[in-house]
Amino acid sequence: MKKVRWWFSAMVEYALHVEGQCEYRLVKSVLLVRAGDFDEALNRVIAAARAREEAYRNADGELVRWMLKRVVTIDWLDSRLTSGREVYSEPGEVVRVPSVDFSFTPEVSGWGSSGV
């Protein structure tokens, strides 16, 4: 009998470190994996995230390392993904508006690429 595999989304956090610096930048990434349960999802997420770790020299010749720091979240998505399914949401900053009567025009928002 074939084992059921579910879709999971997981947020991971990488530490981006440039040699010689006493600091690192945190970079969050959301990955999708298929697994039978949360334990298997965790193992698959760690394997997928570790496969994305890398080290290279930047334009200044400094060693840059992307290191998996931690798994932040794992969420069960369901047995299938559907168009428009939300996989990540984060509260943002509070923005003051000049009046209570305002609207948005997302059609002209000038979207970009996340770099994925």
PDB file of N, CA and C in Angstrom:
ATOM      1  N   MET A   1       0.837  -1.185   0.000  1.00  0.00           N
ATOM      2  CA  MET A   1       0.000   0.000   0.000  1.00  0.00           C
ATOM      3  C   MET A   1       0.883   1.250   0.000  1.00  0.00           C
ATOM      4  N   LYS A   2       0.553   2.198  -0.836  1.00  0.00           N
ATOM      5  CA  LYS A   2       1.346   3.419  -0.966  1.00  0.00           C
ATOM      6  C   LYS A   2       1.094   4.356   0.217  1.00  0.00           C
ATOM      7  N   LYS A   3       2.168   4.875   0.791  1.00  0.00           N
ATOM      8  CA  LYS A   3       2.066   5.798   1.921  1.00  0.00           C
ATOM      9  C   LYS A   3       1.568   7.163   1.446  1.00  0.00           C
ATOM     10  N   VAL A   4       0.626   7.730   2.194  1.00  0.00           N
ATOM     11  CA  VAL A   4       0.085   9.047   1.846  1.00  0.00           C
ATOM     12  C   VAL A   4       1.137  10.110   2.134  1.00  0.00           C
ATOM     13  N   ARG A   5       1.317  11.000   1.199  1.00  0.00           N
ATOM     14  CA  ARG A   5       2.247  12.118   1.367  1.00  0.00           C
ATOM     15  C   ARG A   5       1.440  13.408   1.290  1.00  0.00           C
ATOM     16  N   TRP A   6       1.676  14.277   2.244  1.00  0.00           N
ATOM     17  CA  TRP A   6       0.994  15.561   2.320  1.00  0.00           C
ATOM     18  C   TRP A   6       1.968  16.668   1.953  1.00  0.00           C
ATOM     19  N   TRP A   7       1.440  17.807   1.558  1.00  0.00           N
ATOM     20  CA  TRP A   7       2.272  18.980   1.326  1.00  0.00           C
ATOM     21  C   TRP A   7       2.457  19.725   2.646  1.00  0.00           C
ATOM     22  N   PHE A   8       3.689  20.152   2.894  1.00  0.00           N
ATOM     23  CA  PHE A   8       4.037  20.982   4.046  1.00  0.00           C
ATOM     24  C   PHE A   8       4.813  22.187   3.548  1.00  0.00           C
ATOM     25  N   SER A   9       4.609  23.319   4.196  1.00  0.00           N
ATOM     26  CA  SER A   9       5.469  24.477   3.945  1.00  0.00           C
ATOM     27  C   SER A   9       6.298  24.675   5.203  1.00  0.00           C
ATOM     28  N   ALA A  10       7.509  25.113   5.005  1.00  0.00           N
ATOM     29  CA  ALA A  10       8.389  25.336   6.148  1.00  0.00           C
ATOM     30  C   ALA A  10       9.178  26.613   5.936  1.00  0.00           C
ATOM     31  N   MET A  11       9.223  27.430   6.983  1.00  0.00           N
ATOM     32  CA  MET A  11      10.082  28.604   6.932  1.00  0.00           C
ATOM     33  C   MET A  11      11.387  28.234   7.618  1.00  0.00           C
ATOM     34  N   VAL A  12      12.475  28.511   6.932  1.00  0.00           N
ATOM     35  CA  VAL A  12      13.798  28.301   7.513  1.00  0.00           C
ATOM     36  C   VAL A  12      14.523  29.633   7.558  1.00  0.00           C
ATOM     37  N   GLU A  13      15.515  29.691   8.400  1.00  0.00           N
ATOM     38  CA  GLU A  13      16.296  30.914   8.543  1.00  0.00           C
ATOM     39  C   GLU A  13      17.762  30.577   8.289  1.00  0.00           C
ATOM     40  N   TYR A  14      18.364  31.329   7.405  1.00  0.00           N
ATOM     41  CA  TYR A  14      19.785  31.195   7.104  1.00  0.00           C
ATOM     42  C   TYR A  14      20.548  32.348   7.740  1.00  0.00           C
ATOM     43  N   ALA A  15      21.782  32.073   8.114  1.00  0.00           N
ATOM     44  CA  ALA A  15      22.703  33.124   8.532  1.00  0.00           C
ATOM     45  C   ALA A  15      23.638  33.360   7.349  1.00  0.00           C
ATOM     46  N   LEU A  16      23.660  34.581   6.858  1.00  0.00           N
ATOM     47  CA  LEU A  16      24.525  34.972   5.745  1.00  0.00           C
ATOM     48  C   LEU A  16      25.709  35.717   6.348  1.00  0.00           C
ATOM     49  N   HIS A  17      26.881  35.103   6.282  1.00  0.00           N
ATOM     50  CA  HIS A  17      28.056  35.668   6.943  1.00  0.00           C
ATOM     51  C   HIS A  17      29.158  35.969   5.942  1.00  0.00           C
ATOM     52  N   VAL A  18      29.760  37.147   6.058  1.00  0.00           N
ATOM     53  CA  VAL A  18      30.906  37.545   5.247  1.00  0.00           C
ATOM     54  C   VAL A  18      32.126  37.493   6.157  1.00  0.00           C
ATOM     55  N   GLU A  19      33.169  36.778   5.697  1.00  0.00           N
ATOM     56  CA  GLU A  19      34.345  36.584   6.555  1.00  0.00           C
ATOM     57  C   GLU A  19      34.927  37.912   7.029  1.00  0.00           C
ATOM     58  N   GLY A  20      35.430  37.891   8.258  1.00  0.00           N
ATOM     59  CA  GLY A  20      36.032  39.078   8.841  1.00  0.00           C
ATOM     60  C   GLY A  20      35.033  39.989   9.534  1.00  0.00           C
ATOM     61  N   GLN A  21      33.744  39.698   9.402  1.00  0.00           N
ATOM     62  CA  GLN A  21      32.727  40.531  10.036  1.00  0.00           C
ATOM     63  C   GLN A  21      32.211  39.844  11.298  1.00  0.00           C
ATOM     64  N   CYS A  22      31.951  40.611  12.307  1.00  0.00           N
ATOM     65  CA  CYS A  22      31.432  40.087  13.576  1.00  0.00           C
ATOM     66  C   CYS A  22      29.915  40.178  13.614  1.00  0.00           C
ATOM     67  N   GLU A  23      29.283  39.944  12.481  1.00  0.00           N
ATOM     68  CA  GLU A  23      27.837  39.976  12.379  1.00  0.00           C
ATOM     69  C   GLU A  23      27.417  39.102  11.212  1.00  0.00           C
ATOM     70  N   TYR A  24      26.145  38.761  11.193  1.00  0.00           N
ATOM     71  CA  TYR A  24      25.586  38.062  10.044  1.00  0.00           C
ATOM     72  C   TYR A  24      24.173  38.568   9.802  1.00  0.00           C
ATOM     73  N   ARG A  25      23.710  38.413   8.571  1.00  0.00           N
ATOM     74  CA  ARG A  25      22.363  38.826   8.191  1.00  0.00           C
ATOM     75  C   ARG A  25      21.471  37.598   8.206  1.00  0.00           C
ATOM     76  N   LEU A  26      20.262  37.742   8.747  1.00  0.00           N
ATOM     77  CA  LEU A  26      19.295  36.652   8.719  1.00  0.00           C
ATOM     78  C   LEU A  26      18.499  36.725   7.426  1.00  0.00           C
ATOM     79  N   VAL A  27      18.319  35.575   6.787  1.00  0.00           N
ATOM     80  CA  VAL A  27      17.542  35.475   5.558  1.00  0.00           C
ATOM     81  C   VAL A  27      16.507  34.380   5.758  1.00  0.00           C
ATOM     82  N   LYS A  28      15.235  34.721   5.568  1.00  0.00           N
ATOM     83  CA  LYS A  28      14.161  33.738   5.705  1.00  0.00           C
ATOM     84  C   LYS A  28      13.785  33.203   4.331  1.00  0.00           C
ATOM     85  N   SER A  29      13.436  31.911   4.301  1.00  0.00           N
ATOM     86  CA  SER A  29      13.041  31.260   3.061  1.00  0.00           C
ATOM     87  C   SER A  29      11.914  30.282   3.377  1.00  0.00           C
ATOM     88  N   VAL A  30      10.943  30.166   2.471  1.00  0.00           N
ATOM     89  CA  VAL A  30       9.859  29.208   2.635  1.00  0.00           C
ATOM     90  C   VAL A  30      10.052  28.098   1.605  1.00  0.00           C
ATOM     91  N   LEU A  31      10.078  26.868   2.095  1.00  0.00           N
ATOM     92  CA  LEU A  31      10.259  25.696   1.247  1.00  0.00           C
ATOM     93  C   LEU A  31       9.009  24.838   1.289  1.00  0.00           C
ATOM     94  N   LEU A  32       8.734  24.126   0.210  1.00  0.00           N
ATOM     95  CA  LEU A  32       7.640  23.168   0.162  1.00  0.00           C
ATOM     96  C   LEU A  32       8.216  21.760   0.080  1.00  0.00           C
ATOM     97  N   VAL A  33       7.659  20.847   0.874  1.00  0.00           N
ATOM     98  CA  VAL A  33       8.071  19.441   0.829  1.00  0.00           C
ATOM     99  C   VAL A  33       6.836  18.563   0.922  1.00  0.00           C
ATOM    100  N   ARG A  34       6.971  17.334   0.456  1.00  0.00           N
ATOM    101  CA  ARG A  34       5.922  16.321   0.630  1.00  0.00           C
ATOM    102  C   ARG A  34       6.439  15.305   1.629  1.00  0.00           C
ATOM    103  N   ALA A  35       5.583  14.965   2.586  1.00  0.00           N
ATOM    104  CA  ALA A  35       5.982  14.020   3.626  1.00  0.00           C
ATOM    105  C   ALA A  35       4.743  13.347   4.203  1.00  0.00           C
ATOM    106  N   GLY A  36       4.970  12.236   4.893  1.00  0.00           N
ATOM    107  CA  GLY A  36       3.872  11.494   5.496  1.00  0.00           C
ATOM    108  C   GLY A  36       3.422  12.052   6.824  1.00  0.00           C
ATOM    109  N   ASP A  37       4.325  12.773   7.514  1.00  0.00           N
ATOM    110  CA  ASP A  37       3.980  13.349   8.816  1.00  0.00           C
ATOM    111  C   ASP A  37       4.967  14.475   9.132  1.00  0.00           C
ATOM    112  N   PHE A  38       4.773  15.119  10.276  1.00  0.00           N
ATOM    113  CA  PHE A  38       5.619  16.260  10.637  1.00  0.00           C
ATOM    114  C   PHE A  38       7.080  15.864  10.840  1.00  0.00           C
ATOM    115  N   ASP A  39       7.338  14.699  11.423  1.00  0.00           N
ATOM    116  CA  ASP A  39       8.726  14.276  11.630  1.00  0.00           C
ATOM    117  C   ASP A  39       9.457  14.096  10.303  1.00  0.00           C
ATOM    118  N   GLU A  40       8.786  13.438   9.360  1.00  0.00           N
ATOM    119  CA  GLU A  40       9.393  13.263   8.044  1.00  0.00           C
ATOM    120  C   GLU A  40       9.542  14.611   7.347  1.00  0.00           C
ATOM    121  N   ALA A  41       8.550  15.493   7.520  1.00  0.00           N
ATOM    122  CA  ALA A  41       8.635  16.827   6.918  1.00  0.00           C
ATOM    123  C   ALA A  41       9.851  17.575   7.455  1.00  0.00           C
ATOM    124  N   LEU A  42      10.073  17.495   8.765  1.00  0.00           N
ATOM    125  CA  LEU A  42      11.234  18.162   9.353  1.00  0.00           C
ATOM    126  C   LEU A  42      12.529  17.635   8.734  1.00  0.00           C
ATOM    127  N   ASN A  43      12.648  16.323   8.610  1.00  0.00           N
ATOM    128  CA  ASN A  43      13.863  15.739   8.017  1.00  0.00           C
ATOM    129  C   ASN A  43      14.049  16.180   6.573  1.00  0.00           C
ATOM    130  N   ARG A  44      12.956  16.222   5.826  1.00  0.00           N
ATOM    131  CA  ARG A  44      13.042  16.643   4.419  1.00  0.00           C
ATOM    132  C   ARG A  44      13.366  18.138   4.291  1.00  0.00           C
ATOM    133  N   VAL A  45      12.795  18.932   5.177  1.00  0.00           N
ATOM    134  CA  VAL A  45      13.078  20.370   5.158  1.00  0.00           C
ATOM    135  C   VAL A  45      14.548  20.618   5.457  1.00  0.00           C
ATOM    136  N   ILE A  46      15.065  19.968   6.482  1.00  0.00           N
ATOM    137  CA  ILE A  46      16.479  20.152   6.829  1.00  0.00           C
ATOM    138  C   ILE A  46      17.369  19.720   5.671  1.00  0.00           C
ATOM    139  N   ALA A  47      17.049  18.586   5.045  1.00  0.00           N
ATOM    140  CA  ALA A  47      17.853  18.121   3.909  1.00  0.00           C
ATOM    141  C   ALA A  47      17.795  19.115   2.750  1.00  0.00           C
ATOM    142  N   ALA A  48      16.589  19.609   2.438  1.00  0.00           N
ATOM    143  CA  ALA A  48      16.436  20.564   1.330  1.00  0.00           C
ATOM    144  C   ALA A  48      17.135  21.882   1.652  1.00  0.00           C
ATOM    145  N   ALA A  49      17.007  22.343   2.884  1.00  0.00           N
ATOM    146  CA  ALA A  49      17.628  23.616   3.271  1.00  0.00           C
ATOM    147  C   ALA A  49      19.152  23.495   3.302  1.00  0.00           C
ATOM    148  N   ARG A  50      19.656  22.376   3.804  1.00  0.00           N
ATOM    149  CA  ARG A  50      21.120  22.175   3.816  1.00  0.00           C
ATOM    150  C   ARG A  50      21.674  22.116   2.391  1.00  0.00           C
ATOM    151  N   ALA A  51      20.896  21.555   1.470  1.00  0.00           N
ATOM    152  CA  ALA A  51      21.337  21.483   0.068  1.00  0.00           C
ATOM    153  C   ALA A  51      21.474  22.872  -0.544  1.00  0.00           C
ATOM    154  N   ARG A  52      20.808  23.866   0.046  1.00  0.00           N
ATOM    155  CA  ARG A  52      20.875  25.240  -0.452  1.00  0.00           C
ATOM    156  C   ARG A  52      21.994  26.051   0.208  1.00  0.00           C
ATOM    157  N   GLU A  53      22.630  25.487   1.234  1.00  0.00           N
ATOM    158  CA  GLU A  53      23.764  26.183   1.851  1.00  0.00           C
ATOM    159  C   GLU A  53      24.876  26.300   0.808  1.00  0.00           C
ATOM    160  N   GLU A  54      25.615  27.389   0.883  1.00  0.00           N
ATOM    161  CA  GLU A  54      26.712  27.559  -0.071  1.00  0.00           C
ATOM    162  C   GLU A  54      27.766  28.499   0.483  1.00  0.00           C
ATOM    163  N   ALA A  55      28.911  28.440  -0.125  1.00  0.00           N
ATOM    164  CA  ALA A  55      30.010  29.353   0.206  1.00  0.00           C
ATOM    165  C   ALA A  55      30.644  29.790  -1.109  1.00  0.00           C
ATOM    166  N   TYR A  56      30.960  31.071  -1.200  1.00  0.00           N
ATOM    167  CA  TYR A  56      31.561  31.606  -2.422  1.00  0.00           C
ATOM    168  C   TYR A  56      32.320  32.878  -2.079  1.00  0.00           C
ATOM    169  N   ARG A  57      33.134  33.335  -3.001  1.00  0.00           N
ATOM    170  CA  ARG A  57      33.865  34.594  -2.841  1.00  0.00           C
ATOM    171  C   ARG A  57      33.071  35.712  -3.496  1.00  0.00           C
ATOM    172  N   ASN A  58      32.905  36.820  -2.773  1.00  0.00           N
ATOM    173  CA  ASN A  58      32.202  37.966  -3.345  1.00  0.00           C
ATOM    174  C   ASN A  58      33.157  38.782  -4.210  1.00  0.00           C
ATOM    175  N   ALA A  59      32.688  39.901  -4.733  1.00  0.00           N
ATOM    176  CA  ALA A  59      33.498  40.740  -5.631  1.00  0.00           C
ATOM    177  C   ALA A  59      34.752  41.275  -4.946  1.00  0.00           C
ATOM    178  N   ASP A  60      34.731  41.379  -3.600  1.00  0.00           N
ATOM    179  CA  ASP A  60      35.900  41.841  -2.854  1.00  0.00           C
ATOM    180  C   ASP A  60      36.815  40.697  -2.431  1.00  0.00           C
ATOM    181  N   GLY A  61      36.510  39.495  -2.862  1.00  0.00           N
ATOM    182  CA  GLY A  61      37.331  38.339  -2.534  1.00  0.00           C
ATOM    183  C   GLY A  61      37.064  37.758  -1.150  1.00  0.00           C
ATOM    184  N   GLU A  62      36.043  38.253  -0.463  1.00  0.00           N
ATOM    185  CA  GLU A  62      35.723  37.755   0.875  1.00  0.00           C
ATOM    186  C   GLU A  62      34.856  36.500   0.766  1.00  0.00           C
ATOM    187  N   LEU A  63      35.073  35.567   1.671  1.00  0.00           N
ATOM    188  CA  LEU A  63      34.275  34.356   1.700  1.00  0.00           C
ATOM    189  C   LEU A  63      32.888  34.672   2.263  1.00  0.00           C
ATOM    190  N   VAL A  64      31.867  34.337   1.518  1.00  0.00           N
ATOM    191  CA  VAL A  64      30.471  34.528   1.930  1.00  0.00           C
ATOM    192  C   VAL A  64      29.882  33.139   2.164  1.00  0.00           C
ATOM    193  N   ARG A  65      29.280  32.945   3.334  1.00  0.00           N
ATOM    194  CA  ARG A  65      28.690  31.646   3.645  1.00  0.00           C
ATOM    195  C   ARG A  65      27.207  31.793   3.982  1.00  0.00           C
ATOM    196  N   TRP A  66      26.387  30.953   3.364  1.00  0.00           N
ATOM    197  CA  TRP A  66      24.972  30.813   3.693  1.00  0.00           C
ATOM    198  C   TRP A  66      24.858  29.552   4.532  1.00  0.00           C
ATOM    199  N   MET A  67      24.457  29.700   5.803  1.00  0.00           N
ATOM    200  CA  MET A  67      24.392  28.559   6.714  1.00  0.00           C
ATOM    201  C   MET A  67      22.985  28.434   7.280  1.00  0.00           C
ATOM    202  N   LEU A  68      22.429  27.239   7.235  1.00  0.00           N
ATOM    203  CA  LEU A  68      21.123  27.016   7.831  1.00  0.00           C
ATOM    204  C   LEU A  68      21.230  27.227   9.326  1.00  0.00           C
ATOM    205  N   LYS A  69      20.444  28.167   9.861  1.00  0.00           N
ATOM    206  CA  LYS A  69      20.468  28.472  11.289  1.00  0.00           C
ATOM    207  C   LYS A  69      19.403  27.682  12.036  1.00  0.00           C
ATOM    208  N   ARG A  70      18.164  27.698  11.480  1.00  0.00           N
ATOM    209  CA  ARG A  70      17.097  26.987  12.172  1.00  0.00           C
ATOM    210  C   ARG A  70      15.875  26.814  11.279  1.00  0.00           C
ATOM    211  N   VAL A  71      15.029  25.877  11.673  1.00  0.00           N
ATOM    212  CA  VAL A  71      13.707  25.722  11.070  1.00  0.00           C
ATOM    213  C   VAL A  71      12.756  26.520  11.956  1.00  0.00           C
ATOM    214  N   VAL A  72      12.067  27.489  11.377  1.00  0.00           N
ATOM    215  CA  VAL A  72      11.207  28.393  12.135  1.00  0.00           C
ATOM    216  C   VAL A  72       9.806  27.811  12.290  1.00  0.00           C
ATOM    217  N   THR A  73       9.216  27.377  11.179  1.00  0.00           N
ATOM    218  CA  THR A  73       7.859  26.830  11.211  1.00  0.00           C
ATOM    219  C   THR A  73       7.742  25.668  10.242  1.00  0.00           C
ATOM    220  N   ILE A  74       6.806  24.775  10.524  1.00  0.00           N
ATOM    221  CA  ILE A  74       6.371  23.752   9.570  1.00  0.00           C
ATOM    222  C   ILE A  74       4.851  23.729   9.643  1.00  0.00           C
ATOM    223  N   ASP A  75       4.209  23.848   8.480  1.00  0.00           N
ATOM    224  CA  ASP A  75       2.756  23.861   8.422  1.00  0.00           C
ATOM    225  C   ASP A  75       2.254  22.839   7.415  1.00  0.00           C
ATOM    226  N   TRP A  76       1.216  22.110   7.815  1.00  0.00           N
ATOM    227  CA  TRP A  76       0.567  21.145   6.947  1.00  0.00           C
ATOM    228  C   TRP A  76      -0.342  21.909   5.996  1.00  0.00           C
ATOM    229  N   LEU A  77      -0.199  21.683   4.686  1.00  0.00           N
ATOM    230  CA  LEU A  77      -0.974  22.425   3.699  1.00  0.00           C
ATOM    231  C   LEU A  77      -2.190  21.670   3.201  1.00  0.00           C
ATOM    232  N   ASP A  78      -2.164  20.369   3.192  1.00  0.00           N
ATOM    233  CA  ASP A  78      -3.259  19.514   2.730  1.00  0.00           C
ATOM    234  C   ASP A  78      -2.664  18.529   1.734  1.00  0.00           C
ATOM    235  N   SER A  79      -3.514  17.705   1.177  1.00  0.00           N
ATOM    236  CA  SER A  79      -3.029  16.672   0.254  1.00  0.00           C
ATOM    237  C   SER A  79      -2.688  17.223  -1.123  1.00  0.00           C
ATOM    238  N   ARG A  80      -3.172  18.411  -1.432  1.00  0.00           N
ATOM    239  CA  ARG A  80      -2.852  19.000  -2.734  1.00  0.00           C
ATOM    240  C   ARG A  80      -2.762  20.510  -2.605  1.00  0.00           C
ATOM    241  N   LEU A  81      -1.987  21.083  -3.473  1.00  0.00           N
ATOM    242  CA  LEU A  81      -1.902  22.538  -3.536  1.00  0.00           C
ATOM    243  C   LEU A  81      -2.885  23.031  -4.590  1.00  0.00           C
ATOM    244  N   THR A  82      -3.485  24.152  -4.323  1.00  0.00           N
ATOM    245  CA  THR A  82      -4.401  24.744  -5.286  1.00  0.00           C
ATOM    246  C   THR A  82      -3.916  26.155  -5.608  1.00  0.00           C
ATOM    247  N   SER A  83      -4.294  26.634  -6.756  1.00  0.00           N
ATOM    248  CA  SER A  83      -3.913  27.977  -7.174  1.00  0.00           C
ATOM    249  C   SER A  83      -4.435  29.000  -6.168  1.00  0.00           C
ATOM    250  N   GLY A  84      -3.575  29.900  -5.769  1.00  0.00           N
ATOM    251  CA  GLY A  84      -3.957  30.938  -4.829  1.00  0.00           C
ATOM    252  C   GLY A  84      -3.802  30.544  -3.368  1.00  0.00           C
ATOM    253  N   ARG A  85      -3.309  29.347  -3.095  1.00  0.00           N
ATOM    254  CA  ARG A  85      -3.126  28.868  -1.721  1.00  0.00           C
ATOM    255  C   ARG A  85      -2.040  29.686  -1.037  1.00  0.00           C
ATOM    256  N   GLU A  86      -2.361  30.259   0.118  1.00  0.00           N
ATOM    257  CA  GLU A  86      -1.364  31.015   0.869  1.00  0.00           C
ATOM    258  C   GLU A  86      -0.398  30.056   1.554  1.00  0.00           C
ATOM    259  N   VAL A  87       0.889  30.330   1.416  1.00  0.00           N
ATOM    260  CA  VAL A  87       1.890  29.507   2.094  1.00  0.00           C
ATOM    261  C   VAL A  87       2.715  30.314   3.088  1.00  0.00           C
ATOM    262  N   TYR A  88       2.551  31.623   3.091  1.00  0.00           N
ATOM    263  CA  TYR A  88       3.300  32.446   4.038  1.00  0.00           C
ATOM    264  C   TYR A  88       2.579  33.772   4.231  1.00  0.00           C
ATOM    265  N   SER A  89       2.565  34.232   5.467  1.00  0.00           N
ATOM    266  CA  SER A  89       1.997  35.532   5.791  1.00  0.00           C
ATOM    267  C   SER A  89       2.754  36.073   6.992  1.00  0.00           C
ATOM    268  N   GLU A  90       3.005  37.356   6.997  1.00  0.00           N
ATOM    269  CA  GLU A  90       3.740  37.976   8.100  1.00  0.00           C
ATOM    270  C   GLU A  90       3.137  39.338   8.397  1.00  0.00           C
ATOM    271  N   PRO A  91       2.863  39.626   9.659  1.00  0.00           N
ATOM    272  CA  PRO A  91       2.350  40.966   9.976  1.00  0.00           C
ATOM    273  C   PRO A  91       3.379  42.030   9.595  1.00  0.00           C
ATOM    274  N   GLY A  92       2.898  43.142   9.126  1.00  0.00           N
ATOM    275  CA  GLY A  92       3.792  44.224   8.732  1.00  0.00           C
ATOM    276  C   GLY A  92       3.687  45.404   9.671  1.00  0.00           C
ATOM    277  N   GLU A  93       4.288  46.479   9.252  1.00  0.00           N
ATOM    278  CA  GLU A  93       4.289  47.690  10.064  1.00  0.00           C
ATOM    279  C   GLU A  93       2.929  48.373  10.025  1.00  0.00           C
ATOM    280  N   VAL A  94       2.632  49.163  11.028  1.00  0.00           N
ATOM    281  CA  VAL A  94       1.416  49.966  11.058  1.00  0.00           C
ATOM    282  C   VAL A  94       1.698  51.254  10.291  1.00  0.00           C
ATOM    283  N   VAL A  95       0.809  51.580   9.348  1.00  0.00           N
ATOM    284  CA  VAL A  95       0.992  52.757   8.498  1.00  0.00           C
ATOM    285  C   VAL A  95      -0.151  53.726   8.744  1.00  0.00           C
ATOM    286  N   ARG A  96       0.185  54.972   9.054  1.00  0.00           N
ATOM    287  CA  ARG A  96      -0.843  56.000   9.261  1.00  0.00           C
ATOM    288  C   ARG A  96      -1.352  56.494   7.907  1.00  0.00           C
ATOM    289  N   VAL A  97      -2.644  56.752   7.854  1.00  0.00           N
ATOM    290  CA  VAL A  97      -3.269  57.282   6.640  1.00  0.00           C
ATOM    291  C   VAL A  97      -3.892  58.634   6.974  1.00  0.00           C
ATOM    292  N   PRO A  98      -4.017  59.515   5.977  1.00  0.00           N
ATOM    293  CA  PRO A  98      -4.523  60.866   6.257  1.00  0.00           C
ATOM    294  C   PRO A  98      -6.002  60.916   6.632  1.00  0.00           C
ATOM    295  N   SER A  99      -6.773  59.899   6.242  1.00  0.00           N
ATOM    296  CA  SER A  99      -8.202  59.896   6.587  1.00  0.00           C
ATOM    297  C   SER A  99      -8.669  58.442   6.672  1.00  0.00           C
ATOM    298  N   VAL A 100      -9.879  58.255   7.133  1.00  0.00           N
ATOM    299  CA  VAL A 100     -10.429  56.906   7.223  1.00  0.00           C
ATOM    300  C   VAL A 100     -10.950  56.418   5.875  1.00  0.00           C
ATOM    301  N   ASP A 101     -11.000  57.289   4.876  1.00  0.00           N
ATOM    302  CA  ASP A 101     -11.493  56.947   3.548  1.00  0.00           C
ATOM    303  C   ASP A 101     -10.296  56.803   2.604  1.00  0.00           C
ATOM    304  N   PHE A 102      -9.837  55.592   2.424  1.00  0.00           N
ATOM    305  CA  PHE A 102      -8.705  55.362   1.532  1.00  0.00           C
ATOM    306  C   PHE A 102      -8.897  54.040   0.810  1.00  0.00           C
ATOM    307  N   SER A 103      -8.173  53.862  -0.294  1.00  0.00           N
ATOM    308  CA  SER A 103      -8.243  52.613  -1.059  1.00  0.00           C
ATOM    309  C   SER A 103      -6.879  52.337  -1.682  1.00  0.00           C
ATOM    310  N   PHE A 104      -6.745  51.152  -2.253  1.00  0.00           N
ATOM    311  CA  PHE A 104      -5.493  50.740  -2.878  1.00  0.00           C
ATOM    312  C   PHE A 104      -5.749  50.316  -4.315  1.00  0.00           C
ATOM    313  N   THR A 105      -4.717  50.365  -5.147  1.00  0.00           N
ATOM    314  CA  THR A 105      -4.805  49.893  -6.527  1.00  0.00           C
ATOM    315  C   THR A 105      -3.672  48.894  -6.772  1.00  0.00           C
ATOM    316  N   PRO A 106      -3.851  47.645  -6.339  1.00  0.00           N
ATOM    317  CA  PRO A 106      -2.780  46.652  -6.489  1.00  0.00           C
ATOM    318  C   PRO A 106      -2.437  46.337  -7.936  1.00  0.00           C
ATOM    319  N   GLU A 107      -3.329  46.647  -8.872  1.00  0.00           N
ATOM    320  CA  GLU A 107      -3.065  46.376 -10.276  1.00  0.00           C
ATOM    321  C   GLU A 107      -1.875  47.176 -10.805  1.00  0.00           C
ATOM    322  N   VAL A 108      -1.560  48.289 -10.147  1.00  0.00           N
ATOM    323  CA  VAL A 108      -0.439  49.122 -10.594  1.00  0.00           C
ATOM    324  C   VAL A 108       0.646  49.210  -9.513  1.00  0.00           C
ATOM    325  N   SER A 109       0.803  48.135  -8.768  1.00  0.00           N
ATOM    326  CA  SER A 109       1.719  48.179  -7.625  1.00  0.00           C
ATOM    327  C   SER A 109       3.187  48.026  -7.978  1.00  0.00           C
ATOM    328  N   GLY A 110       3.497  47.724  -9.241  1.00  0.00           N
ATOM    329  CA  GLY A 110       4.898  47.617  -9.637  1.00  0.00           C
ATOM    330  C   GLY A 110       5.620  46.467  -8.964  1.00  0.00           C
ATOM    331  N   TRP A 111       5.089  45.266  -9.093  1.00  0.00           N
ATOM    332  CA  TRP A 111       5.651  44.099  -8.413  1.00  0.00           C
ATOM    333  C   TRP A 111       7.046  43.773  -8.933  1.00  0.00           C
ATOM    334  N   GLY A 112       7.773  43.008  -8.141  1.00  0.00           N
ATOM    335  CA  GLY A 112       9.117  42.579  -8.498  1.00  0.00           C
ATOM    336  C   GLY A 112       9.273  41.095  -8.248  1.00  0.00           C
ATOM    337  N   SER A 113      10.475  40.621  -8.289  1.00  0.00           N
ATOM    338  CA  SER A 113      10.774  39.215  -8.042  1.00  0.00           C
ATOM    339  C   SER A 113      11.394  39.050  -6.668  1.00  0.00           C
ATOM    340  N   SER A 114      11.071  37.948  -5.985  1.00  0.00           N
ATOM    341  CA  SER A 114      11.636  37.697  -4.659  1.00  0.00           C
ATOM    342  C   SER A 114      13.058  37.151  -4.744  1.00  0.00           C
ATOM    343  N   GLY A 115      13.470  36.777  -5.933  1.00  0.00           N
ATOM    344  CA  GLY A 115      14.806  36.219  -6.099  1.00  0.00           C
ATOM    345  C   GLY A 115      14.836  34.717  -6.012  1.00  0.00           C
ATOM    346  N   VAL A 116      13.681  34.083  -5.897  1.00  0.00           N
ATOM    347  CA  VAL A 116      13.614  32.618  -5.794  1.00  0.00           C
ATOM    348  C   VAL A 116      13.902  32.001  -7.143  1.00  0.00           C
TER     349      VAL A 116
END
